[in-house]
N, C-alpha and C. Protein backbone atom coordinates (compact mmCIF):
# COMPACT_ATOMS: atom_id res chain seq x y z
N MET A 1 25.35 51.64 59.53
CA MET A 1 25.96 52.67 58.72
C MET A 1 27.13 52.10 57.92
N LYS A 2 27.97 51.29 58.57
CA LYS A 2 29.11 50.70 57.88
C LYS A 2 28.66 49.70 56.83
N ILE A 3 27.60 48.99 57.09
CA ILE A 3 27.10 47.99 56.14
C ILE A 3 26.56 48.68 54.89
N GLN A 4 25.87 49.80 55.07
CA GLN A 4 25.36 50.54 53.92
C GLN A 4 26.51 51.08 53.07
N PHE A 5 27.55 51.57 53.72
CA PHE A 5 28.71 52.07 52.99
C PHE A 5 29.39 50.95 52.22
N ARG A 6 29.54 49.80 52.85
CA ARG A 6 30.15 48.64 52.17
C ARG A 6 29.32 48.20 50.97
N ASN A 7 28.01 48.17 51.13
CA ASN A 7 27.14 47.77 50.02
C ASN A 7 27.22 48.76 48.86
N LYS A 8 27.21 50.04 49.16
CA LYS A 8 27.32 51.05 48.12
C LYS A 8 28.68 50.99 47.43
N PHE A 9 29.72 50.79 48.22
CA PHE A 9 31.06 50.68 47.67
C PHE A 9 31.19 49.44 46.77
N ALA A 10 30.63 48.34 47.19
CA ALA A 10 30.67 47.11 46.39
C ALA A 10 29.91 47.28 45.08
N CYS A 11 28.78 47.96 45.12
CA CYS A 11 28.02 48.23 43.88
C CYS A 11 28.80 49.15 42.95
N LEU A 12 29.46 50.15 43.49
CA LEU A 12 30.26 51.06 42.68
C LEU A 12 31.42 50.32 42.01
N VAL A 13 32.10 49.48 42.76
CA VAL A 13 33.21 48.70 42.19
C VAL A 13 32.70 47.75 41.11
N ALA A 14 31.56 47.13 41.34
CA ALA A 14 30.99 46.23 40.34
C ALA A 14 30.64 46.97 39.06
N LEU A 15 30.08 48.16 39.17
CA LEU A 15 29.74 48.95 37.99
C LEU A 15 30.99 49.39 37.24
N LEU A 16 32.04 49.76 37.97
CA LEU A 16 33.26 50.17 37.31
C LEU A 16 33.95 49.01 36.61
N LEU A 17 33.84 47.81 37.17
CA LEU A 17 34.47 46.65 36.55
C LEU A 17 33.76 46.20 35.29
N LEU A 18 32.51 46.57 35.10
CA LEU A 18 31.80 46.20 33.88
C LEU A 18 32.41 46.82 32.65
N GLY A 19 33.10 47.94 32.80
CA GLY A 19 33.75 48.58 31.68
C GLY A 19 35.19 48.15 31.49
N CYS A 20 35.71 47.36 32.39
CA CYS A 20 37.11 46.93 32.33
C CYS A 20 37.32 45.98 31.15
N GLY A 21 38.40 46.19 30.41
CA GLY A 21 38.69 45.35 29.25
C GLY A 21 38.91 43.90 29.60
N THR A 22 39.57 43.63 30.71
CA THR A 22 39.82 42.25 31.11
C THR A 22 38.52 41.55 31.49
N VAL A 23 37.67 42.24 32.19
CA VAL A 23 36.38 41.65 32.57
C VAL A 23 35.56 41.34 31.33
N ASN A 24 35.57 42.25 30.35
CA ASN A 24 34.78 42.05 29.14
C ASN A 24 35.31 40.93 28.26
N THR A 25 36.60 40.64 28.31
CA THR A 25 37.14 39.60 27.43
C THR A 25 37.36 38.27 28.14
N VAL A 26 37.78 38.28 29.38
CA VAL A 26 38.10 37.03 30.07
C VAL A 26 36.90 36.47 30.81
N ILE A 27 36.22 37.30 31.57
CA ILE A 27 35.16 36.81 32.44
C ILE A 27 33.82 36.73 31.71
N ARG A 28 33.45 37.77 30.97
CA ARG A 28 32.13 37.83 30.37
C ARG A 28 32.02 37.04 29.07
N GLY A 29 33.10 36.71 28.43
CA GLY A 29 33.03 35.86 27.25
C GLY A 29 33.28 36.57 25.94
N ASP A 30 33.45 35.76 24.90
CA ASP A 30 33.81 36.27 23.58
C ASP A 30 32.69 37.09 22.96
N SER A 31 31.46 36.67 23.14
CA SER A 31 30.34 37.35 22.48
C SER A 31 30.19 38.79 22.97
N VAL A 32 30.46 39.03 24.24
CA VAL A 32 30.36 40.39 24.79
C VAL A 32 31.43 41.28 24.18
N ALA A 33 32.65 40.76 24.09
CA ALA A 33 33.75 41.53 23.51
C ALA A 33 33.47 41.83 22.04
N LYS A 34 32.97 40.85 21.31
CA LYS A 34 32.65 41.07 19.90
C LYS A 34 31.57 42.14 19.74
N TYR A 35 30.53 42.04 20.54
CA TYR A 35 29.43 43.00 20.46
C TYR A 35 29.91 44.41 20.80
N ASN A 36 30.66 44.55 21.89
CA ASN A 36 31.11 45.88 22.31
C ASN A 36 32.04 46.51 21.28
N LEU A 37 32.91 45.70 20.68
CA LEU A 37 33.83 46.26 19.70
C LEU A 37 33.13 46.58 18.38
N LYS A 38 32.09 45.85 18.05
CA LYS A 38 31.31 46.20 16.87
C LYS A 38 30.55 47.50 17.10
N GLN A 39 30.07 47.70 18.32
CA GLN A 39 29.39 48.96 18.66
C GLN A 39 30.35 50.14 18.58
N ALA A 40 31.62 49.91 18.91
CA ALA A 40 32.62 50.98 18.86
C ALA A 40 33.12 51.22 17.44
N ARG A 41 32.70 50.39 16.49
CA ARG A 41 33.10 50.48 15.08
C ARG A 41 34.61 50.57 14.94
N THR A 42 35.29 49.62 15.53
CA THR A 42 36.73 49.57 15.50
C THR A 42 37.21 48.81 14.27
N SER A 43 38.44 49.02 13.89
CA SER A 43 39.00 48.33 12.74
C SER A 43 39.79 47.09 13.13
N CYS A 44 39.74 46.70 14.39
CA CYS A 44 40.45 45.50 14.84
C CYS A 44 39.76 44.26 14.26
N GLU A 45 40.57 43.30 13.85
CA GLU A 45 40.03 42.06 13.30
C GLU A 45 40.04 40.93 14.32
N ALA A 46 41.02 40.94 15.22
CA ALA A 46 41.13 39.88 16.23
C ALA A 46 41.82 40.43 17.47
N ILE A 47 41.53 39.78 18.58
CA ILE A 47 42.17 40.11 19.86
C ILE A 47 42.81 38.84 20.38
N PRO A 48 44.10 38.87 20.72
CA PRO A 48 44.70 37.69 21.34
C PRO A 48 44.16 37.50 22.75
N ARG A 49 44.08 36.28 23.20
CA ARG A 49 43.57 36.02 24.55
C ARG A 49 44.58 36.43 25.62
N VAL A 50 45.86 36.39 25.30
CA VAL A 50 46.89 36.82 26.25
C VAL A 50 46.91 38.35 26.23
N TYR A 51 46.74 38.95 27.39
CA TYR A 51 46.60 40.40 27.54
C TYR A 51 45.46 40.92 26.69
N SER A 52 44.34 40.21 26.73
CA SER A 52 43.17 40.59 25.93
C SER A 52 42.53 41.88 26.43
N GLY A 53 42.61 42.17 27.70
CA GLY A 53 42.03 43.40 28.22
C GLY A 53 42.74 44.64 27.68
N VAL A 54 44.06 44.57 27.58
CA VAL A 54 44.83 45.68 27.03
C VAL A 54 44.52 45.82 25.54
N ALA A 55 44.47 44.70 24.81
CA ALA A 55 44.15 44.75 23.38
C ALA A 55 42.74 45.28 23.17
N TYR A 56 41.81 44.91 24.03
CA TYR A 56 40.43 45.40 23.95
C TYR A 56 40.40 46.92 24.10
N ASP A 57 41.12 47.43 25.09
CA ASP A 57 41.15 48.88 25.32
C ASP A 57 41.79 49.62 24.16
N ILE A 58 42.83 49.05 23.57
CA ILE A 58 43.47 49.69 22.41
C ILE A 58 42.51 49.71 21.23
N CYS A 59 41.76 48.63 21.05
CA CYS A 59 40.76 48.61 19.98
C CYS A 59 39.67 49.64 20.23
N ILE A 60 39.26 49.82 21.46
CA ILE A 60 38.27 50.84 21.79
C ILE A 60 38.82 52.23 21.47
N LEU A 61 40.09 52.46 21.75
CA LEU A 61 40.70 53.74 21.42
C LEU A 61 40.75 53.98 19.92
N ARG A 62 40.93 52.90 19.15
CA ARG A 62 41.00 53.02 17.69
C ARG A 62 39.62 53.16 17.06
N GLY A 63 38.57 52.89 17.80
CA GLY A 63 37.21 52.96 17.26
C GLY A 63 36.73 54.40 17.16
N LYS A 64 35.58 54.55 16.53
CA LYS A 64 34.97 55.87 16.39
C LYS A 64 34.28 56.23 17.70
N PRO A 65 34.37 57.49 18.11
CA PRO A 65 33.73 57.88 19.37
C PRO A 65 32.21 57.76 19.29
N SER A 66 31.63 57.29 20.37
CA SER A 66 30.18 57.14 20.42
C SER A 66 29.53 58.46 20.85
N ARG A 67 28.22 58.47 20.81
CA ARG A 67 27.51 59.68 21.24
C ARG A 67 27.70 59.94 22.72
N THR A 68 27.82 58.88 23.50
CA THR A 68 28.01 59.08 24.94
C THR A 68 29.40 59.64 25.23
N ALA A 69 30.37 59.41 24.34
CA ALA A 69 31.70 59.97 24.57
C ALA A 69 31.68 61.49 24.50
N LEU A 70 30.73 62.04 23.79
CA LEU A 70 30.63 63.49 23.71
C LEU A 70 30.17 64.12 25.03
N TRP A 71 29.47 63.34 25.83
CA TRP A 71 29.00 63.84 27.13
C TRP A 71 30.13 63.91 28.14
N PHE A 72 31.11 63.04 27.99
CA PHE A 72 32.22 62.97 28.94
C PHE A 72 33.46 63.51 28.25
N GLY A 73 33.99 64.61 28.74
CA GLY A 73 35.18 65.18 28.12
C GLY A 73 36.44 64.41 28.42
N SER A 74 36.44 63.59 29.47
CA SER A 74 37.67 62.92 29.90
C SER A 74 37.63 61.41 29.63
N VAL A 75 36.90 60.98 28.63
CA VAL A 75 36.82 59.55 28.35
C VAL A 75 38.18 58.95 28.01
N PRO A 76 39.03 59.59 27.19
CA PRO A 76 40.34 58.99 26.92
C PRO A 76 41.17 58.77 28.19
N GLN A 77 41.07 59.69 29.14
CA GLN A 77 41.81 59.51 30.39
C GLN A 77 41.31 58.29 31.15
N LEU A 78 40.00 58.05 31.12
CA LEU A 78 39.46 56.87 31.79
C LEU A 78 39.93 55.60 31.12
N ILE A 79 40.07 55.63 29.80
CA ILE A 79 40.55 54.44 29.10
C ILE A 79 42.01 54.19 29.44
N PHE A 80 42.81 55.25 29.62
CA PHE A 80 44.20 55.05 29.99
C PHE A 80 44.32 54.48 31.40
N ILE A 81 43.44 54.88 32.29
CA ILE A 81 43.42 54.27 33.63
C ILE A 81 43.03 52.80 33.50
N ASP A 82 42.05 52.52 32.65
CA ASP A 82 41.62 51.14 32.44
C ASP A 82 42.72 50.31 31.80
N LEU A 83 43.55 50.93 30.94
CA LEU A 83 44.68 50.21 30.35
C LEU A 83 45.63 49.71 31.44
N ALA A 84 45.92 50.55 32.41
CA ALA A 84 46.82 50.16 33.49
C ALA A 84 46.20 49.06 34.35
N LEU A 85 44.92 49.22 34.69
CA LEU A 85 44.26 48.20 35.50
C LEU A 85 44.10 46.89 34.73
N SER A 86 43.80 46.99 33.44
CA SER A 86 43.67 45.77 32.63
C SER A 86 45.01 45.06 32.51
N GLY A 87 46.09 45.83 32.40
CA GLY A 87 47.41 45.21 32.35
C GLY A 87 47.71 44.43 33.62
N ALA A 88 47.34 44.98 34.77
CA ALA A 88 47.56 44.28 36.03
C ALA A 88 46.68 43.03 36.14
N LEU A 89 45.40 43.17 35.79
CA LEU A 89 44.50 42.01 35.86
C LEU A 89 44.86 40.96 34.82
N ASP A 90 45.32 41.38 33.64
CA ASP A 90 45.75 40.42 32.62
C ASP A 90 46.97 39.64 33.08
N THR A 91 47.85 40.29 33.83
CA THR A 91 49.02 39.58 34.35
C THR A 91 48.59 38.52 35.36
N VAL A 92 47.61 38.82 36.18
CA VAL A 92 47.10 37.85 37.15
C VAL A 92 46.43 36.68 36.43
N ALA A 93 45.71 36.98 35.34
CA ALA A 93 44.98 35.95 34.60
C ALA A 93 45.83 35.25 33.54
N LEU A 94 47.12 35.51 33.52
CA LEU A 94 47.99 34.99 32.47
C LEU A 94 47.98 33.47 32.33
N PRO A 95 48.03 32.68 33.40
CA PRO A 95 47.97 31.22 33.20
C PRO A 95 46.69 30.77 32.51
N TYR A 96 45.57 31.36 32.86
CA TYR A 96 44.29 31.01 32.26
C TYR A 96 44.22 31.43 30.80
N THR A 97 44.71 32.64 30.50
CA THR A 97 44.61 33.13 29.13
C THR A 97 45.61 32.45 28.20
N VAL A 98 46.76 32.06 28.70
CA VAL A 98 47.71 31.31 27.86
C VAL A 98 47.10 29.97 27.48
N PHE A 99 46.47 29.30 28.44
CA PHE A 99 45.79 28.04 28.16
C PHE A 99 44.68 28.23 27.13
N GLY A 100 43.91 29.30 27.26
CA GLY A 100 42.84 29.59 26.31
C GLY A 100 43.38 29.94 24.92
N GLN A 101 44.51 30.64 24.87
CA GLN A 101 45.11 30.98 23.59
C GLN A 101 45.59 29.72 22.87
N ILE A 102 46.16 28.80 23.60
CA ILE A 102 46.65 27.55 22.98
C ILE A 102 45.48 26.71 22.50
N ASN A 103 44.42 26.60 23.29
CA ASN A 103 43.29 25.74 22.92
C ASN A 103 42.33 26.37 21.92
N ASP A 104 41.98 27.65 22.13
CA ASP A 104 40.92 28.28 21.33
C ASP A 104 41.43 29.29 20.31
N GLY A 105 42.64 29.78 20.46
CA GLY A 105 43.15 30.80 19.57
C GLY A 105 42.64 32.17 19.95
N SER A 106 42.82 33.13 19.05
CA SER A 106 42.41 34.50 19.30
C SER A 106 40.90 34.66 19.20
N ILE A 107 40.42 35.80 19.66
CA ILE A 107 39.01 36.14 19.53
C ILE A 107 38.86 36.91 18.23
N TYR A 108 38.24 36.30 17.23
CA TYR A 108 38.04 36.95 15.94
C TYR A 108 36.74 37.74 15.96
N LEU A 109 36.82 38.97 15.51
CA LEU A 109 35.68 39.87 15.60
C LEU A 109 34.79 39.86 14.37
N GLN A 110 35.24 39.28 13.29
CA GLN A 110 34.46 39.29 12.04
C GLN A 110 33.46 38.18 12.02
């Protein structure tokens, strides 16, 4: 019983992290962030690698709402929660992202 609960909980956490701005920019790579932001039709031109998860979430907020956003009335609240979590995860990933910013520069979306 405990093993099933742990497995379900781990799957739920994994699904929730797929929408996290830090996961989409730091872990999953530049192409995923570019694709997702193009789908959101945002006006952002570039995202800095330092605190990229927070910048990603702000760009998502600036984008046009998708059709799925109409199904969920509380999507902006979820993005604000993700902003806080992305800020914490971006702080943890700061040494890695500073190195990436120096070597590779920002993530250009165009």
